[in-house]
Amino acid sequence: MSNMLPSWVMRYVGVPFVEGGADISGADCYGLVSLVLEDQTGAPLPRTVADAAVFGWHPIPIGEVAAGDVLLFEHPGGLTHVGLMVTSQSYLETRPGKFSRIARLRHASGRISVWRRG
């Protein structure tokens, strides 16, 4: 698989972080991933693991990550961040006080869960 960015992803780079936002004018990490998935597939990111299972999402090993997979970053207190893989090595994300960007995936075993639809 090529690691070149798909052309559609650039539409979502530079979106300002807005807590609770979920559109191109401003989004938090969950809202951004949900927006992209809804725009690209017609189905937004589910809110809960139970919803994810109903809508055909399932966990996969981190070593099998690919474009289109959702990254769930976790710490001892729970889920802290969400990103969307856009190549096999990079993902789209946004963080407080920042604009959305493409970041390189650095594997952190035990801290990242990966979900795939289908």
C-alpha atoms as a PDB file:
ATOM      1  CA  MET A   1       0.000   0.000   0.000  1.00  0.00           C
ATOM      2  CA  SER A   2       1.241   3.444  -0.866  1.00  0.00           C
ATOM      3  CA  ASN A   3       1.903   5.903   1.943  1.00  0.00           C
ATOM      4  CA  MET A   4       0.991   8.906  -0.216  1.00  0.00           C
ATOM      5  CA  LEU A   5      -1.865  10.918   1.253  1.00  0.00           C
ATOM      6  CA  PRO A   6      -5.212  10.466  -0.472  1.00  0.00           C
ATOM      7  CA  SER A   7      -6.384  13.689  -2.144  1.00  0.00           C
ATOM      8  CA  TRP A   8      -9.596  13.939  -0.080  1.00  0.00           C
ATOM      9  CA  VAL A   9      -7.742  14.162   3.239  1.00  0.00           C
ATOM     10  CA  MET A  10      -6.398  17.667   2.611  1.00  0.00           C
ATOM     11  CA  ARG A  11      -9.937  19.031   3.022  1.00  0.00           C
ATOM     12  CA  TYR A  12      -9.710  18.128   6.716  1.00  0.00           C
ATOM     13  CA  VAL A  13      -6.206  19.456   7.439  1.00  0.00           C
ATOM     14  CA  GLY A  14      -6.219  22.836   9.192  1.00  0.00           C
ATOM     15  CA  VAL A  15      -9.629  22.508  10.873  1.00  0.00           C
ATOM     16  CA  PRO A  16      -9.445  24.443  14.167  1.00  0.00           C
ATOM     17  CA  PHE A  17      -9.945  22.540  17.416  1.00  0.00           C
ATOM     18  CA  VAL A  18     -13.345  23.329  18.954  1.00  0.00           C
ATOM     19  CA  GLU A  19     -14.459  21.322  21.991  1.00  0.00           C
ATOM     20  CA  GLY A  20     -17.638  19.432  21.050  1.00  0.00           C
ATOM     21  CA  GLY A  21     -17.384  20.578  17.414  1.00  0.00           C
ATOM     22  CA  ALA A  22     -18.027  18.239  14.511  1.00  0.00           C
ATOM     23  CA  ASP A  23     -17.816  20.213  11.293  1.00  0.00           C
ATOM     24  CA  ILE A  24     -15.248  21.726   8.976  1.00  0.00           C
ATOM     25  CA  SER A  25     -15.384  25.088  10.811  1.00  0.00           C
ATOM     26  CA  GLY A  26     -14.218  23.462  14.069  1.00  0.00           C
ATOM     27  CA  ALA A  27     -14.046  20.019  15.640  1.00  0.00           C
ATOM     28  CA  ASP A  28     -12.613  18.074  18.535  1.00  0.00           C
ATOM     29  CA  CYS A  29     -10.835  14.771  17.850  1.00  0.00           C
ATOM     30  CA  TYR A  30     -13.999  12.642  18.001  1.00  0.00           C
ATOM     31  CA  GLY A  31     -15.969  15.153  15.942  1.00  0.00           C
ATOM     32  CA  LEU A  32     -13.263  15.343  13.282  1.00  0.00           C
ATOM     33  CA  VAL A  33     -13.009  11.566  12.850  1.00  0.00           C
ATOM     34  CA  SER A  34     -16.793  11.231  12.830  1.00  0.00           C
ATOM     35  CA  LEU A  35     -17.089  14.033  10.238  1.00  0.00           C
ATOM     36  CA  VAL A  36     -14.532  12.423   7.922  1.00  0.00           C
ATOM     37  CA  LEU A  37     -16.092   8.971   8.221  1.00  0.00           C
ATOM     38  CA  GLU A  38     -19.571  10.335   7.558  1.00  0.00           C
ATOM     39  CA  ASP A  39     -18.361  12.348   4.553  1.00  0.00           C
ATOM     40  CA  GLN A  40     -16.346   9.443   3.112  1.00  0.00           C
ATOM     41  CA  THR A  41     -18.530   6.436   3.991  1.00  0.00           C
ATOM     42  CA  GLY A  42     -21.928   7.807   4.968  1.00  0.00           C
ATOM     43  CA  ALA A  43     -21.583   6.421   8.510  1.00  0.00           C
ATOM     44  CA  PRO A  44     -20.213   8.464  11.440  1.00  0.00           C
ATOM     45  CA  LEU A  45     -18.042   7.028  14.184  1.00  0.00           C
ATOM     46  CA  PRO A  46     -20.176   5.283  16.840  1.00  0.00           C
ATOM     47  CA  ARG A  47     -20.158   6.814  20.346  1.00  0.00           C
ATOM     48  CA  THR A  48     -19.749   3.575  22.333  1.00  0.00           C
ATOM     49  CA  VAL A  49     -18.166   0.149  21.956  1.00  0.00           C
ATOM     50  CA  ALA A  50     -21.670  -1.363  21.980  1.00  0.00           C
ATOM     51  CA  ASP A  51     -22.694   0.950  19.112  1.00  0.00           C
ATOM     52  CA  ALA A  52     -19.476   0.097  17.280  1.00  0.00           C
ATOM     53  CA  ALA A  53     -20.264  -3.616  17.385  1.00  0.00           C
ATOM     54  CA  VAL A  54     -23.809  -3.015  16.095  1.00  0.00           C
ATOM     55  CA  PHE A  55     -22.474  -0.982  13.169  1.00  0.00           C
ATOM     56  CA  GLY A  56     -19.855  -3.568  12.198  1.00  0.00           C
ATOM     57  CA  TRP A  57     -16.745  -2.137  13.864  1.00  0.00           C
ATOM     58  CA  HIS A  58     -14.303  -4.585  15.440  1.00  0.00           C
ATOM     59  CA  PRO A  59     -10.871  -4.385  17.073  1.00  0.00           C
ATOM     60  CA  ILE A  60      -7.773  -5.418  15.124  1.00  0.00           C
ATOM     61  CA  PRO A  61      -4.129  -5.848  16.152  1.00  0.00           C
ATOM     62  CA  ILE A  62      -2.033  -2.672  15.971  1.00  0.00           C
ATOM     63  CA  GLY A  63       0.353  -4.436  13.595  1.00  0.00           C
ATOM     64  CA  GLU A  64      -2.435  -4.671  10.993  1.00  0.00           C
ATOM     65  CA  VAL A  65      -3.316  -0.959  10.984  1.00  0.00           C
ATOM     66  CA  ALA A  66      -4.251   0.497   7.583  1.00  0.00           C
ATOM     67  CA  ALA A  67      -5.891   3.548   6.028  1.00  0.00           C
ATOM     68  CA  GLY A  68      -9.475   3.962   7.226  1.00  0.00           C
ATOM     69  CA  ASP A  69      -8.884   2.422  10.660  1.00  0.00           C
ATOM     70  CA  VAL A  70      -9.753   4.390  13.781  1.00  0.00           C
ATOM     71  CA  LEU A  71      -7.113   4.822  16.494  1.00  0.00           C
ATOM     72  CA  LEU A  72      -8.275   5.008  20.107  1.00  0.00           C
ATOM     73  CA  PHE A  73      -5.600   6.346  22.439  1.00  0.00           C
ATOM     74  CA  GLU A  74      -6.024   5.183  26.010  1.00  0.00           C
ATOM     75  CA  HIS A  75      -4.442   5.956  29.362  1.00  0.00           C
ATOM     76  CA  PRO A  76      -5.214   4.444  32.771  1.00  0.00           C
ATOM     77  CA  GLY A  77      -8.154   6.845  33.150  1.00  0.00           C
ATOM     78  CA  GLY A  78      -9.731   5.775  29.863  1.00  0.00           C
ATOM     79  CA  LEU A  79      -9.977   6.979  26.287  1.00  0.00           C
ATOM     80  CA  THR A  80      -8.101  10.250  25.727  1.00  0.00           C
ATOM     81  CA  HIS A  81      -7.830  10.762  21.967  1.00  0.00           C
ATOM     82  CA  VAL A  82      -9.128   9.537  18.601  1.00  0.00           C
ATOM     83  CA  GLY A  83      -7.473   9.625  15.184  1.00  0.00           C
ATOM     84  CA  LEU A  84      -8.140   8.270  11.694  1.00  0.00           C
ATOM     85  CA  MET A  85      -5.508   6.441   9.678  1.00  0.00           C
ATOM     86  CA  VAL A  86      -5.046   8.003   6.226  1.00  0.00           C
ATOM     87  CA  THR A  87      -2.110   5.824   5.136  1.00  0.00           C
ATOM     88  CA  SER A  88      -0.527   2.774   6.733  1.00  0.00           C
ATOM     89  CA  GLN A  89       1.812   5.053   8.722  1.00  0.00           C
ATOM     90  CA  SER A  90       0.027   8.365   9.263  1.00  0.00           C
ATOM     91  CA  TYR A  91      -3.227   9.580  10.726  1.00  0.00           C
ATOM     92  CA  LEU A  92      -5.438  12.644  10.907  1.00  0.00           C
ATOM     93  CA  GLU A  93      -5.846  14.215  14.346  1.00  0.00           C
ATOM     94  CA  THR A  94      -6.638  17.430  16.175  1.00  0.00           C
ATOM     95  CA  ARG A  95      -5.787  18.518  19.710  1.00  0.00           C
ATOM     96  CA  PRO A  96      -6.807  21.372  22.025  1.00  0.00           C
ATOM     97  CA  GLY A  97      -5.302  24.686  20.956  1.00  0.00           C
ATOM     98  CA  LYS A  98      -4.216  23.285  17.582  1.00  0.00           C
ATOM     99  CA  PHE A  99      -5.448  22.777  14.048  1.00  0.00           C
ATOM    100  CA  SER A 100      -6.026  19.326  12.566  1.00  0.00           C
ATOM    101  CA  ARG A 101      -2.945  17.787  11.020  1.00  0.00           C
ATOM    102  CA  ILE A 102      -1.391  14.620   9.686  1.00  0.00           C
ATOM    103  CA  ALA A 103       0.770  12.861  12.281  1.00  0.00           C
ATOM    104  CA  ARG A 104       3.050   9.850  11.996  1.00  0.00           C
ATOM    105  CA  LEU A 105       1.962   6.802  13.913  1.00  0.00           C
ATOM    106  CA  ARG A 106       4.434   5.821  16.599  1.00  0.00           C
ATOM    107  CA  HIS A 107       3.416   2.480  18.027  1.00  0.00           C
ATOM    108  CA  ALA A 108       2.923   2.648  21.773  1.00  0.00           C
ATOM    109  CA  SER A 109       1.968  -0.853  22.812  1.00  0.00           C
ATOM    110  CA  GLY A 110      -0.879  -1.033  25.261  1.00  0.00           C
ATOM    111  CA  ARG A 111      -1.915   2.582  24.691  1.00  0.00           C
ATOM    112  CA  ILE A 112      -3.548   2.369  21.286  1.00  0.00           C
ATOM    113  CA  SER A 113      -6.540   0.293  20.216  1.00  0.00           C
ATOM    114  CA  VAL A 114      -7.445   0.014  16.542  1.00  0.00           C
ATOM    115  CA  TRP A 115     -10.970  -0.402  15.195  1.00  0.00           C
ATOM    116  CA  ARG A 116     -11.964  -1.312  11.654  1.00  0.00           C
ATOM    117  CA  ARG A 117     -15.365  -1.360  10.033  1.00  0.00           C
ATOM    118  CA  GLY A 118     -16.421  -4.333   7.983  1.00  0.00           C
END
